């Protein structure tokens, strides 16, 4: 939605209104002209017909009932069609998250990025010492690796569960409750006396920690306009890659000097601090929730029960949203675009988590390094991710330039314009993997396999951002389900690949990694396929957006 220039005209009961003024709304517009709002309809429940019905509900004040409540600082008038005082965002409404200052928006964006980093960090930090639990509980390496597998499986469950609850209760309550549960269940891992306790606590933490990963994208959409959102989303999307690669670095040194249990204690302290800061600093941003709170406040202040939001006039049951959240991602998964993008992102996510166990084989077993020193080799991956995120403003500007050619003609830019970064970034990953594979001989310098992480990290984020944008533009009303399908698939891939990475590397450093390099090379065809044939594929789809 575009910005609105005029602030609402304050009501004064002593005003002497002329007949011309009587036919104007409090915003200065004609009564026959619907009031425009700054917030978009929230499509998370993904019912296009219902969303369209809600969008048709516009506030047209009734000229026969121009009275307002003195306690109503927003001076809502009675709507001529519904008979209610429709509570919606007014022009330049300071409580609308879209109208917050850029400083406040960036503060919240960085805070949410730190939360996301913490969640991702928790998935990888325990790999800093996998030998300690193995010896303590007298179990195999594969069983200890399940502490990573089960945590990442939890990431795949979150998108199917938490989004509907956030639509019903708001984002803030979901952030605060799930983060608290996740932090609490770090404790059993730190004090576990058997492997079962450790595994169950990791699974529960993973499920609870997945909520922020699921909701942060929505929170950023609440505060940033579409044309401003690219850079903010780049900050957020870098966190899921930076967190895991920083985990082994920090966890390795903790494990070397304090033991594996202290990895959990440090993670508890750090996560606890972030939780407290999130509770204190992250406000509610969900537009529907904020408007409902305003309506309840006005009913309490004025005693007038006519205050309603348009969403209350067309309510959506939580059970209906749950059905959509649980089943529609699987329906969309069979869509060719969703399926192949999910496959590609599964390969990328699998590679990220594969490094957790491939690096220790190459550097600890092959070169005799400590866990802490091996953790340093993840830094080039992080540098690649950061550099890729730094390019986000330029990529966003390039997209807007290409899209302008369509918007100037009154056309909607095709989703395929989102694929240019993907068509470039896809080549960096196999290049990095081949370098890592064939420089990983124990007798060779550490420089080759270490620096190989840079092109991988750079390519990871270019691919991730472009893939998400392409899915959103391709499926519009069903974007939440398309992204949930992708997230579930990639999480299962990341969880599964760690179970056989060590065995694959023991067969051959060179060919074990080369297999993954060839797979990623084959995936390079996917963005080109959709660039040339994506519009035709969408035209035949039941769910895809065909406004090209």
Foldseek 3Di string as FASTA:
>chain_A
DDAFDFFFAWDDPPDDDDPVRLQADRRRHGLVDFADADDQQDLLLLDVVLSVVLVPDTARADSVWQDAFPLDRRGFHQGPPPRFRAQGAGHLRCVQLQNDDPVLLVVQLVLLLVLLLLLLLVLAQLLLDLPQQCVQAVHDSLLSLLLNLLLLLLLLVQLLPQSLVCVVAFLLVLLLVLLVLLLVLLVQLLVPNHSVSSNVSSNSNSNSSNNSVNCVVVLLPSNHDPLGSQLSVLSNLLSNLLSNLLSLQVSNVCCVPPNSSVSSVVSSVVSVVSSVCCNVRPDTRDRVNVSVVSQVVCCVRRVDNSYDHSCVVSDDDSVSSSCCSNPVLVVCCPQPLLVLLLVLLLLLLQVSLLCSQLLCCLPCVLQVDGSNVSSVLSVLLSVLSVVLSVCRVVLSVVLVVVQVVQVVVVAGDALLSLLPLLLVLLVLQLVLLQQLQVQSHSVHDPVRNSNSSNSSSNSSSSSVSSSLSSLCQFQVSCSSSSVSSSSSSSSNSNSPSNSCSNVLVVVDSNVSSNVSSVVSVVSSVVSVCCSVCVLVSSVPDPRTDNRD
